[in-house]
Amino acid sequence: MRKLLILGMTLFVLGCEGGEQKALQAELDALTKDLRGRVPPLPVVKPYEPVPYAAFDLPDPFGPEKIALATKTQGGGSGIKPDFNRPKEPLEAYPLESLAMVGVLQQKNKTYALIKASSGLYRVGVGNYIGQNFGLITAIDETEIRVKELIQDAAGDWTERESSLHLQEAEEKRK
């Protein structure tokens, strides 16, 4: 009985094998019949050839002598420079565009302007500095403050620029 059971199991296993795998193998053979089993060889790499540096005798293009020479040939600027050693005034921490003139005062025959910044109200006069571009107040009248700013260009030269702050109420009436 035992031998009969082993023979039946063997026939059962052999009967399960077959149809599907043969069809799958035939389809795989049909799909791969045009494929070649050959990979083209890799291209030949040329050996590295070092290039000798022959500019040891030429001046360094980034050396300080070359930069000083370029500055002299460009005219060296107008000679205007801001005073970096003076103490900064409170309104120099704000861009000129963020400040607003809100009023004018006169005390002892001097005219002062009231400037509103984000942190409060400030009184300024002619000679005070304002804005982040070293702006010096040159004149104050009833409707505006005239400012002379120093701007550095791409060549490193300082140039003057005239700006003004208008009275905020006058600006609103115009609109």
Foldseek 3Di string as FASTA:
>chain_A
DVVVVVVVVVVVVVVPDDDVVVVVVVVVCVVCVPPDPDDDDDDDDDDDDDDDDDCPVPDDCPDPVNLVVVCVVVVVAPPDDDDPPDDADPQLVAAPVQKAWAFWDADPNFIWTWIQHPVGIDIDGQQHAHHNQRWGFHDDDGFKTKTWGWDADPSRYTDIDIDMHTHPVVVVVVD
